[in-house]
Each structure stands twice: as C-alpha cells, then as structure tokens.
Amino acid sequence: MTFQEISSFSQSWGLVFLVVMFIIAIGYALWPSNKKKFDDAAKRALDED
C-alpha cells in the first residue's frame, strides 16, 4: 500500500466514522429518557454553593 492509498482510505472512512459518532451523540443527548439526568446535572452545579 502506498501513502496515497492509506491517506485516501483514512480520509473517507474517518469522515464516515465521525459522522456516525456525531449522530449517536446527538441521539443520546436528545433521547427522552435522558432528560431527567441532564436536568439534574444542570441544577447540581448551582446547588453546590
């Protein structure tokens, strides 16, 4: 394999990997059952004072 082939492979599949991980992260953040967990975490920073 040449450097050009490896570079092309990593650029194309790396982009696909990052897009899939972004979609998973957004899905996790917007999943309805996680709302209470995120609300508690947001309020916890204000309660420690």
PDB file of N, CA and C in Angstrom:
ATOM      1  N   MET A   1       0.838  -1.183   0.000  1.00  0.00           N
ATOM      2  CA  MET A   1       0.000   0.000   0.000  1.00  0.00           C
ATOM      3  C   MET A   1       0.884   1.248   0.000  1.00  0.00           C
ATOM      4  N   THR A   2       0.466   2.190  -0.764  1.00  0.00           N
ATOM      5  CA  THR A   2       1.208   3.446  -0.803  1.00  0.00           C
ATOM      6  C   THR A   2       0.593   4.430   0.191  1.00  0.00           C
ATOM      7  N   PHE A   3       1.335   5.474   0.423  1.00  0.00           N
ATOM      8  CA  PHE A   3       0.837   6.511   1.334  1.00  0.00           C
ATOM      9  C   PHE A   3      -0.456   7.119   0.803  1.00  0.00           C
ATOM     10  N   GLN A   4      -0.549   7.303  -0.495  1.00  0.00           N
ATOM     11  CA  GLN A   4      -1.744   7.888  -1.110  1.00  0.00           C
ATOM     12  C   GLN A   4      -2.973   7.011  -0.863  1.00  0.00           C
ATOM     13  N   GLU A   5      -2.829   5.700  -0.972  1.00  0.00           N
ATOM     14  CA  GLU A   5      -3.952   4.787  -0.735  1.00  0.00           C
ATOM     15  C   GLU A   5      -4.390   4.819   0.721  1.00  0.00           C
ATOM     16  N   ILE A   6      -3.429   4.796   1.613  1.00  0.00           N
ATOM     17  CA  ILE A   6      -3.745   4.830   3.054  1.00  0.00           C
ATOM     18  C   ILE A   6      -4.390   6.156   3.417  1.00  0.00           C
ATOM     19  N   SER A   7      -3.889   7.232   2.872  1.00  0.00           N
ATOM     20  CA  SER A   7      -4.448   8.550   3.147  1.00  0.00           C
ATOM     21  C   SER A   7      -5.881   8.662   2.637  1.00  0.00           C
ATOM     22  N   SER A   8      -6.124   8.183   1.453  1.00  0.00           N
ATOM     23  CA  SER A   8      -7.464   8.224   0.880  1.00  0.00           C
ATOM     24  C   SER A   8      -8.437   7.378   1.691  1.00  0.00           C
ATOM     25  N   PHE A   9      -7.993   6.190   2.086  1.00  0.00           N
ATOM     26  CA  PHE A   9      -8.838   5.303   2.891  1.00  0.00           C
ATOM     27  C   PHE A   9      -9.182   5.943   4.232  1.00  0.00           C
ATOM     28  N   SER A  10      -8.187   6.488   4.911  1.00  0.00           N
ATOM     29  CA  SER A  10      -8.424   7.054   6.236  1.00  0.00           C
ATOM     30  C   SER A  10      -9.280   8.315   6.172  1.00  0.00           C
ATOM     31  N   GLN A  11      -9.139   9.095   5.109  1.00  0.00           N
ATOM     32  CA  GLN A  11      -9.963  10.295   4.989  1.00  0.00           C
ATOM     33  C   GLN A  11     -11.424   9.945   4.753  1.00  0.00           C
ATOM     34  N   SER A  12     -11.690   9.000   3.890  1.00  0.00           N
ATOM     35  CA  SER A  12     -13.079   8.667   3.574  1.00  0.00           C
ATOM     36  C   SER A  12     -13.753   7.949   4.740  1.00  0.00           C
ATOM     37  N   TRP A  13     -13.112   6.899   5.271  1.00  0.00           N
ATOM     38  CA  TRP A  13     -13.741   6.153   6.356  1.00  0.00           C
ATOM     39  C   TRP A  13     -13.672   6.905   7.678  1.00  0.00           C
ATOM     40  N   GLY A  14     -12.690   7.755   7.849  1.00  0.00           N
ATOM     41  CA  GLY A  14     -12.637   8.578   9.050  1.00  0.00           C
ATOM     42  C   GLY A  14     -13.792   9.556   9.095  1.00  0.00           C
ATOM     43  N   LEU A  15     -14.140  10.119   7.960  1.00  0.00           N
ATOM     44  CA  LEU A  15     -15.286  11.025   7.890  1.00  0.00           C
ATOM     45  C   LEU A  15     -16.578  10.284   8.206  1.00  0.00           C
ATOM     46  N   VAL A  16     -16.736   9.093   7.657  1.00  0.00           N
ATOM     47  CA  VAL A  16     -17.933   8.290   7.931  1.00  0.00           C
ATOM     48  C   VAL A  16     -18.011   7.974   9.421  1.00  0.00           C
ATOM     49  N   PHE A  17     -16.890   7.580  10.012  1.00  0.00           N
ATOM     50  CA  PHE A  17     -16.854   7.257  11.439  1.00  0.00           C
ATOM     51  C   PHE A  17     -17.249   8.464  12.289  1.00  0.00           C
ATOM     52  N   LEU A  18     -16.705   9.636  11.993  1.00  0.00           N
ATOM     53  CA  LEU A  18     -17.017  10.832  12.780  1.00  0.00           C
ATOM     54  C   LEU A  18     -18.474  11.257  12.622  1.00  0.00           C
ATOM     55  N   VAL A  19     -19.036  11.123  11.434  1.00  0.00           N
ATOM     56  CA  VAL A  19     -20.444  11.466  11.224  1.00  0.00           C
ATOM     57  C   VAL A  19     -21.338  10.513  12.009  1.00  0.00           C
ATOM     58  N   VAL A  20     -21.026   9.234  11.989  1.00  0.00           N
ATOM     59  CA  VAL A  20     -21.821   8.248  12.742  1.00  0.00           C
ATOM     60  C   VAL A  20     -21.727   8.531  14.241  1.00  0.00           C
ATOM     61  N   MET A  21     -20.527   8.830  14.744  1.00  0.00           N
ATOM     62  CA  MET A  21     -20.382   9.126  16.166  1.00  0.00           C
ATOM     63  C   MET A  21     -21.122  10.406  16.553  1.00  0.00           C
ATOM     64  N   PHE A  22     -21.139  11.403  15.669  1.00  0.00           N
ATOM     65  CA  PHE A  22     -21.883  12.629  15.925  1.00  0.00           C
ATOM     66  C   PHE A  22     -23.378  12.347  16.014  1.00  0.00           C
ATOM     67  N   ILE A  23     -23.894  11.529  15.115  1.00  0.00           N
ATOM     68  CA  ILE A  23     -25.320  11.187  15.130  1.00  0.00           C
ATOM     69  C   ILE A  23     -25.667  10.419  16.399  1.00  0.00           C
ATOM     70  N   ILE A  24     -24.800   9.522  16.831  1.00  0.00           N
ATOM     71  CA  ILE A  24     -25.032   8.782  18.076  1.00  0.00           C
ATOM     72  C   ILE A  24     -25.037   9.730  19.277  1.00  0.00           C
ATOM     73  N   ALA A  25     -24.104  10.674  19.320  1.00  0.00           N
ATOM     74  CA  ALA A  25     -24.039  11.623  20.442  1.00  0.00           C
ATOM     75  C   ALA A  25     -25.274  12.507  20.487  1.00  0.00           C
ATOM     76  N   ILE A  26     -25.728  12.986  19.344  1.00  0.00           N
ATOM     77  CA  ILE A  26     -26.941  13.809  19.298  1.00  0.00           C
ATOM     78  C   ILE A  26     -28.161  12.987  19.712  1.00  0.00           C
ATOM     79  N   GLY A  27     -28.222  11.765  19.229  1.00  0.00           N
ATOM     80  CA  GLY A  27     -29.328  10.886  19.620  1.00  0.00           C
ATOM     81  C   GLY A  27     -29.355  10.629  21.113  1.00  0.00           C
ATOM     82  N   TYR A  28     -28.185  10.415  21.705  1.00  0.00           N
ATOM     83  CA  TYR A  28     -28.113  10.201  23.149  1.00  0.00           C
ATOM     84  C   TYR A  28     -28.550  11.445  23.918  1.00  0.00           C
ATOM     85  N   ALA A  29     -28.105  12.596  23.469  1.00  0.00           N
ATOM     86  CA  ALA A  29     -28.436  13.840  24.165  1.00  0.00           C
ATOM     87  C   ALA A  29     -29.919  14.180  24.061  1.00  0.00           C
ATOM     88  N   LEU A  30     -30.550  13.816  22.978  1.00  0.00           N
ATOM     89  CA  LEU A  30     -31.959  14.169  22.767  1.00  0.00           C
ATOM     90  C   LEU A  30     -32.927  13.040  23.105  1.00  0.00           C
ATOM     91  N   TRP A  31     -32.427  11.908  23.572  1.00  0.00           N
ATOM     92  CA  TRP A  31     -33.296  10.783  23.920  1.00  0.00           C
ATOM     93  C   TRP A  31     -34.167  11.177  25.106  1.00  0.00           C
ATOM     94  N   PRO A  32     -35.474  10.963  25.024  1.00  0.00           N
ATOM     95  CA  PRO A  32     -36.392  11.437  26.067  1.00  0.00           C
ATOM     96  C   PRO A  32     -36.096  10.898  27.470  1.00  0.00           C
ATOM     97  N   SER A  33     -35.620   9.679  27.596  1.00  0.00           N
ATOM     98  CA  SER A  33     -35.385   9.120  28.928  1.00  0.00           C
ATOM     99  C   SER A  33     -34.159   9.737  29.616  1.00  0.00           C
ATOM    100  N   ASN A  34     -33.326  10.461  28.899  1.00  0.00           N
ATOM    101  CA  ASN A  34     -32.153  11.107  29.494  1.00  0.00           C
ATOM    102  C   ASN A  34     -32.431  12.523  29.983  1.00  0.00           C
ATOM    103  N   LYS A  35     -33.637  13.021  29.793  1.00  0.00           N
ATOM    104  CA  LYS A  35     -33.959  14.402  30.165  1.00  0.00           C
ATOM    105  C   LYS A  35     -33.758  14.657  31.651  1.00  0.00           C
ATOM    106  N   LYS A  36     -34.245  13.782  32.499  1.00  0.00           N
ATOM    107  CA  LYS A  36     -34.113  13.981  33.938  1.00  0.00           C
ATOM    108  C   LYS A  36     -32.646  13.972  34.361  1.00  0.00           C
ATOM    109  N   LYS A  37     -31.860  13.091  33.784  1.00  0.00           N
ATOM    110  CA  LYS A  37     -30.435  13.010  34.111  1.00  0.00           C
ATOM    111  C   LYS A  37     -29.717  14.317  33.770  1.00  0.00           C
ATOM    112  N   PHE A  38     -30.016  14.875  32.607  1.00  0.00           N
ATOM    113  CA  PHE A  38     -29.361  16.116  32.191  1.00  0.00           C
ATOM    114  C   PHE A  38     -29.884  17.316  32.983  1.00  0.00           C
ATOM    115  N   ASP A  39     -31.163  17.319  33.327  1.00  0.00           N
ATOM    116  CA  ASP A  39     -31.700  18.399  34.157  1.00  0.00           C
ATOM    117  C   ASP A  39     -31.074  18.390  35.545  1.00  0.00           C
ATOM    118  N   ASP A  40     -30.913  17.208  36.135  1.00  0.00           N
ATOM    119  CA  ASP A  40     -30.267  17.095  37.444  1.00  0.00           C
ATOM    120  C   ASP A  40     -28.822  17.575  37.384  1.00  0.00           C
ATOM    121  N   ALA A  41     -28.112  17.221  36.336  1.00  0.00           N
ATOM    122  CA  ALA A  41     -26.711  17.633  36.194  1.00  0.00           C
ATOM    123  C   ALA A  41     -26.608  19.149  36.029  1.00  0.00           C
ATOM    124  N   ALA A  42     -27.549  19.764  35.338  1.00  0.00           N
ATOM    125  CA  ALA A  42     -27.532  21.213  35.151  1.00  0.00           C
ATOM    126  C   ALA A  42     -27.817  21.940  36.457  1.00  0.00           C
ATOM    127  N   LYS A  43     -28.688  21.400  37.283  1.00  0.00           N
ATOM    128  CA  LYS A  43     -29.021  22.048  38.553  1.00  0.00           C
ATOM    129  C   LYS A  43     -27.967  21.795  39.625  1.00  0.00           C
ATOM    130  N   ARG A  44     -27.234  20.702  39.514  1.00  0.00           N
ATOM    131  CA  ARG A  44     -26.253  20.334  40.531  1.00  0.00           C
ATOM    132  C   ARG A  44     -25.141  21.373  40.648  1.00  0.00           C
ATOM    133  N   ALA A  45     -24.754  21.978  39.560  1.00  0.00           N
ATOM    134  CA  ALA A  45     -23.692  22.981  39.600  1.00  0.00           C
ATOM    135  C   ALA A  45     -24.118  24.205  40.400  1.00  0.00           C
ATOM    136  N   LEU A  46     -25.396  24.514  40.394  1.00  0.00           N
ATOM    137  CA  LEU A  46     -25.894  25.674  41.113  1.00  0.00           C
ATOM    138  C   LEU A  46     -26.146  25.362  42.593  1.00  0.00           C
ATOM    139  N   ASP A  47     -26.373  24.106  42.948  1.00  0.00           N
ATOM    140  CA  ASP A  47     -26.694  23.727  44.320  1.00  0.00           C
ATOM    141  C   ASP A  47     -25.474  23.590  45.211  1.00  0.00           C
ATOM    142  N   GLU A  48     -24.266  23.492  44.659  1.00  0.00           N
ATOM    143  CA  GLU A  48     -23.087  23.246  45.466  1.00  0.00           C
ATOM    144  C   GLU A  48     -22.611  24.463  46.249  1.00  0.00           C
ATOM    145  N   ASP A  49     -23.061  25.629  45.900  1.00  0.00           N
ATOM    146  CA  ASP A  49     -22.630  26.832  46.647  1.00  0.00           C
ATOM    147  C   ASP A  49     -23.291  26.815  47.955  1.00  0.00           C
TER     148      ASP A  49
END
